[in-house]
């Protein structure tokens, strides 16, 4: 009886020890599973890309307007103009034409006042001269070429564009690419202009240079 009692005592102790070890392991496992979400919470959150007006590479400062201009691609794809996230002219809107595409924007409010296209290959330049002469102070002038902007451009038109701040209007010719933003009677040349000469040796398209893109930030008060 004593021997069997001893065996029962040993078995009881073994059972208690086994149970204690199991409980310790179970609690340890639970602690790890409880801490896991906290560890997962330390993973960096997904970075959100900030959207900019007109898709600019970076946002404009306060009290500045955002804009993006694209010239036409050969005589196939028309130009586009975006101002303060508003698409003013584009092939999608079906309001662009061969020659020069021009939009007038209020330099204080950013309100679009007028947009027009002028055929500079077969059209008469008289309408463009009248349009440019009627531009008021404080108005921003956005220009994008398409196909041929220079064939019908005379000295009067070149001078009018130069007075708006253009550095390249006087050399603009047949099938050149040109994008420009200026304003009336600037004291200096506009910093917003790109020009590419039609040159058979460097043209990207057969008979035309590549399209140009110009983006930037314009202060609300004209230059």
Protein backbone atom coordinates (compact mmCIF):
# COMPACT_ATOMS: atom_id res chain seq x y z
CA UNK A 1 0.00 0.00 0.00
CA UNK A 2 2.83 2.33 0.83
CA UNK A 3 4.48 1.66 -2.55
CA UNK A 4 1.24 2.16 -4.46
CA UNK A 5 0.55 5.31 -2.45
CA UNK A 6 3.97 6.61 -3.37
CA UNK A 7 3.28 5.96 -7.02
CA UNK A 8 0.00 7.84 -6.79
CA UNK A 9 1.76 10.78 -5.15
CA UNK A 10 4.44 10.88 -7.86
CA UNK A 11 1.76 10.68 -10.57
CA UNK A 12 -0.13 13.56 -8.96
CA UNK A 13 2.99 15.70 -8.74
CA UNK A 14 3.80 14.93 -12.39
CA UNK A 15 0.32 15.89 -13.44
CA UNK A 16 0.51 19.18 -11.53
CA UNK A 17 3.92 20.05 -13.03
CA UNK A 18 2.71 19.22 -16.55
CA UNK A 19 -0.37 21.37 -16.08
CA UNK A 20 1.73 24.28 -14.74
CA UNK A 21 4.10 24.10 -17.75
CA UNK A 22 1.14 24.02 -20.15
CA UNK A 23 -0.45 27.04 -18.52
CA UNK A 24 2.84 28.99 -18.65
CA UNK A 25 3.27 28.18 -22.35
CA UNK A 26 -0.34 29.07 -23.14
CA UNK A 27 -0.10 32.44 -21.37
CA UNK A 28 3.17 33.22 -23.14
CA UNK A 29 1.57 32.47 -26.50
CA UNK A 30 -1.39 34.71 -25.68
CA UNK A 31 0.92 37.58 -24.73
CA UNK A 32 2.69 37.31 -28.06
CA UNK A 33 -0.56 37.31 -29.99
CA UNK A 34 -1.78 40.32 -28.02
CA UNK A 35 1.39 42.28 -28.76
CA UNK A 36 1.44 41.43 -32.46
CA UNK A 37 -1.05 44.11 -33.56
CA UNK A 38 1.00 46.76 -31.77
CA UNK A 39 4.07 45.66 -33.63
CA UNK A 40 2.18 45.70 -36.89
CA UNK A 41 0.98 49.20 -36.11
CA UNK A 42 4.57 50.45 -36.33
CA UNK A 43 4.67 49.73 -40.08
CA UNK A 44 4.80 53.07 -41.98
CA UNK A 45 1.48 54.06 -43.48
CA UNK A 46 1.00 54.25 -47.21
CA UNK A 47 2.32 57.50 -48.58
CA UNK A 48 -0.34 59.59 -50.30
CA UNK A 49 0.72 61.50 -53.39
CA UNK A 50 -0.55 65.07 -53.23
CA UNK A 51 -2.59 66.05 -56.28
CA UNK A 52 -1.67 69.37 -57.82
CA UNK A 53 -3.70 71.72 -60.00
CA UNK A 54 -3.25 71.03 -63.71
CA UNK A 55 -1.00 68.10 -62.76
CA UNK A 56 2.02 70.28 -62.02
CA UNK A 57 5.16 68.61 -60.71
CA UNK A 58 4.76 70.55 -57.45
CA UNK A 59 2.03 72.77 -55.97
CA UNK A 60 2.15 76.54 -56.35
CA UNK A 61 2.55 78.88 -53.36
CA UNK A 62 -0.38 80.76 -51.94
CA UNK A 63 -1.56 83.70 -54.08
CA UNK A 64 -0.14 82.09 -57.23
CA UNK A 65 -2.04 80.62 -60.17
CA UNK A 66 -1.14 77.20 -61.58
CA UNK A 67 -0.96 76.71 -65.33
CA UNK A 68 0.18 74.21 -67.94
CA UNK A 69 0.43 74.73 -71.71
CA UNK A 70 1.10 72.19 -74.45
CA UNK A 71 1.65 73.00 -78.09
CA UNK A 72 0.20 70.83 -80.83
CA UNK A 73 1.96 67.70 -82.09
CA UNK A 74 2.55 68.21 -85.82
CA UNK A 75 -0.90 68.61 -87.47
CA UNK A 76 -2.33 65.56 -85.69
CA UNK A 77 -2.90 66.37 -82.01
CA UNK A 78 -4.07 69.81 -80.97
CA UNK A 79 -2.69 71.91 -78.09
CA UNK A 80 -4.11 72.19 -74.59
CA UNK A 81 -4.31 74.87 -71.90
CA UNK A 82 -5.00 74.36 -68.21
CA UNK A 83 -5.31 77.18 -65.69
CA UNK A 84 -6.06 76.66 -62.00
CA UNK A 85 -7.18 73.09 -62.74
CA UNK A 86 -9.60 74.35 -65.39
CA UNK A 87 -9.10 72.99 -68.91
CA UNK A 88 -9.58 76.06 -71.10
CA UNK A 89 -8.71 74.73 -74.55
CA UNK A 90 -8.02 71.18 -75.79
CA UNK A 91 -8.83 68.70 -78.56
CA UNK A 92 -11.27 67.04 -76.15
CA UNK A 93 -13.24 70.29 -75.84
CA UNK A 94 -13.01 70.70 -79.62
CA UNK A 95 -12.14 74.39 -79.35
CA UNK A 96 -8.58 74.46 -80.76
CA UNK A 97 -7.54 75.21 -84.32
CA UNK A 98 -4.63 75.36 -86.70
CA UNK A 99 -2.33 78.32 -86.08
CA UNK A 100 -2.37 80.19 -82.77
CA UNK A 101 -4.66 79.33 -79.87
CA UNK A 102 -5.03 82.14 -77.35
CA UNK A 103 -6.84 82.46 -74.03
CA UNK A 104 -7.29 85.58 -71.90
CA UNK A 105 -7.46 85.21 -68.12
CA UNK A 106 -8.11 87.84 -65.45
CA UNK A 107 -4.81 88.26 -63.60
CA UNK A 108 -6.48 88.95 -60.26
CA UNK A 109 -9.34 86.45 -60.12
CA UNK A 110 -8.15 83.74 -62.51
CA UNK A 111 -11.42 83.95 -64.45
CA UNK A 112 -11.23 82.99 -68.12
CA UNK A 113 -12.43 85.93 -70.23
CA UNK A 114 -12.08 84.65 -73.76
CA UNK A 115 -10.47 81.97 -75.91
CA UNK A 116 -9.96 81.95 -79.69
CA UNK A 117 -7.93 80.27 -82.41
CA UNK A 118 -6.43 82.07 -85.40
CA UNK A 119 -5.45 80.38 -88.67
CA UNK A 120 -1.96 81.65 -89.42
CA UNK A 121 -1.53 79.69 -92.66
CA UNK A 122 -4.50 80.58 -94.86
CA UNK A 123 -6.45 83.01 -92.70
CA UNK A 124 -6.25 86.77 -92.57
CA UNK A 125 -4.17 88.31 -89.74
CA UNK A 126 -6.56 91.25 -89.31
CA UNK A 127 -8.70 89.47 -86.72
CA UNK A 128 -5.63 88.59 -84.64
CA UNK A 129 -4.36 92.19 -84.71
CA UNK A 130 -7.73 93.42 -83.45
CA UNK A 131 -7.80 90.73 -80.76
CA UNK A 132 -4.33 91.61 -79.44
CA UNK A 133 -4.96 95.34 -79.45
CA UNK A 134 -8.07 94.94 -77.30
CA UNK A 135 -6.22 93.16 -74.46
CA UNK A 136 -6.52 95.19 -71.26
CA UNK A 137 -3.99 95.66 -68.47
CA UNK A 138 -4.08 93.02 -65.77
CA UNK A 139 -5.01 90.27 -68.22
CA UNK A 140 -2.88 87.17 -68.67
CA UNK A 141 -2.38 85.94 -72.24
CA UNK A 142 -1.88 82.21 -72.82
CA UNK A 143 -0.69 81.08 -76.26
CA UNK A 144 -0.13 77.63 -77.81
CA UNK A 145 0.78 76.88 -81.42
CA UNK A 146 -0.63 74.14 -83.62
CA UNK A 147 0.68 73.04 -87.02
CA UNK A 148 1.76 76.42 -88.44
CA UNK A 149 1.79 79.59 -86.30
CA UNK A 150 4.06 81.81 -88.37
CA UNK A 151 3.27 81.97 -92.10
CA UNK A 152 0.84 84.89 -91.88
CA UNK A 153 2.52 86.63 -88.95
CA UNK A 154 3.46 90.18 -89.89
CA UNK A 155 5.60 92.77 -88.12
CA UNK A 156 2.62 94.35 -86.37
CA UNK A 157 1.61 91.04 -84.80
CA UNK A 158 5.19 90.28 -83.79
CA UNK A 159 5.48 93.67 -82.06
CA UNK A 160 2.18 93.15 -80.25
CA UNK A 161 3.37 89.81 -78.89
CA UNK A 162 6.73 91.34 -77.95
CA UNK A 163 4.87 93.98 -75.93
CA UNK A 164 3.18 91.12 -74.09
CA UNK A 165 6.62 89.92 -73.01
CA UNK A 166 7.57 87.46 -75.76
CA UNK A 167 11.23 86.94 -76.60
CA UNK A 168 10.61 84.74 -79.67
CA UNK A 169 7.65 86.28 -81.50
CA UNK A 170 9.94 88.15 -83.90
CA UNK A 171 11.55 84.91 -85.10
CA UNK A 172 8.45 82.70 -85.18
CA UNK A 173 8.13 81.01 -88.58
CA UNK A 174 6.56 78.22 -90.60
CA UNK A 175 5.62 75.19 -88.46
CA UNK A 176 7.62 76.29 -85.41
CA UNK A 177 6.46 75.14 -81.96
CA UNK A 178 5.64 77.85 -79.42
CA UNK A 179 4.02 78.18 -76.00
CA UNK A 180 3.86 81.45 -74.12
CA UNK A 181 2.26 83.23 -71.17
CA UNK A 182 2.51 87.00 -70.95
CA UNK A 183 0.64 90.20 -70.11
CA UNK A 184 0.25 93.68 -71.55
CA UNK A 185 3.11 96.19 -71.23
CA UNK A 186 5.50 94.08 -69.18
CA UNK A 187 8.57 95.93 -67.98
CA UNK A 188 10.68 92.86 -68.75
CA UNK A 189 10.39 89.72 -70.84
CA UNK A 190 8.12 86.97 -69.60
CA UNK A 191 9.85 84.00 -67.93
CA UNK A 192 7.11 81.72 -69.26
CA UNK A 193 7.95 80.90 -72.87
CA UNK A 194 9.32 78.03 -74.94
CA UNK A 195 10.19 78.01 -78.62
CA UNK A 196 11.44 75.34 -81.01
CA UNK A 197 12.44 76.02 -84.61
CA UNK A 198 11.23 73.91 -87.48
CA UNK A 199 14.45 72.23 -88.65
CA UNK A 200 14.56 69.11 -90.88
CA UNK A 201 17.76 68.04 -89.15
CA UNK A 202 16.27 68.05 -85.65
CA UNK A 203 12.50 67.66 -86.13
CA UNK A 204 10.96 64.86 -84.10
CA UNK A 205 8.00 64.51 -86.46
CA UNK A 206 8.27 64.52 -90.23
CA UNK A 207 8.06 68.21 -91.11
CA UNK A 208 7.44 69.44 -87.54
CA UNK A 209 9.47 69.87 -84.34
CA UNK A 210 8.32 68.07 -81.20
CA UNK A 211 5.53 69.45 -79.02
CA UNK A 212 6.40 71.73 -76.14
CA UNK A 213 5.10 71.70 -72.58
CA UNK A 214 5.28 74.65 -70.21
CA UNK A 215 4.09 74.73 -66.61
CA UNK A 216 4.51 77.20 -63.80
CA UNK A 217 3.10 79.46 -61.09
CA UNK A 218 1.96 83.00 -61.87
CA UNK A 219 1.46 85.58 -59.12
CA UNK A 220 -2.09 86.90 -58.87
CA UNK A 221 -0.88 90.44 -59.51
CA UNK A 222 0.50 90.57 -63.03
CA UNK A 223 4.26 90.26 -62.78
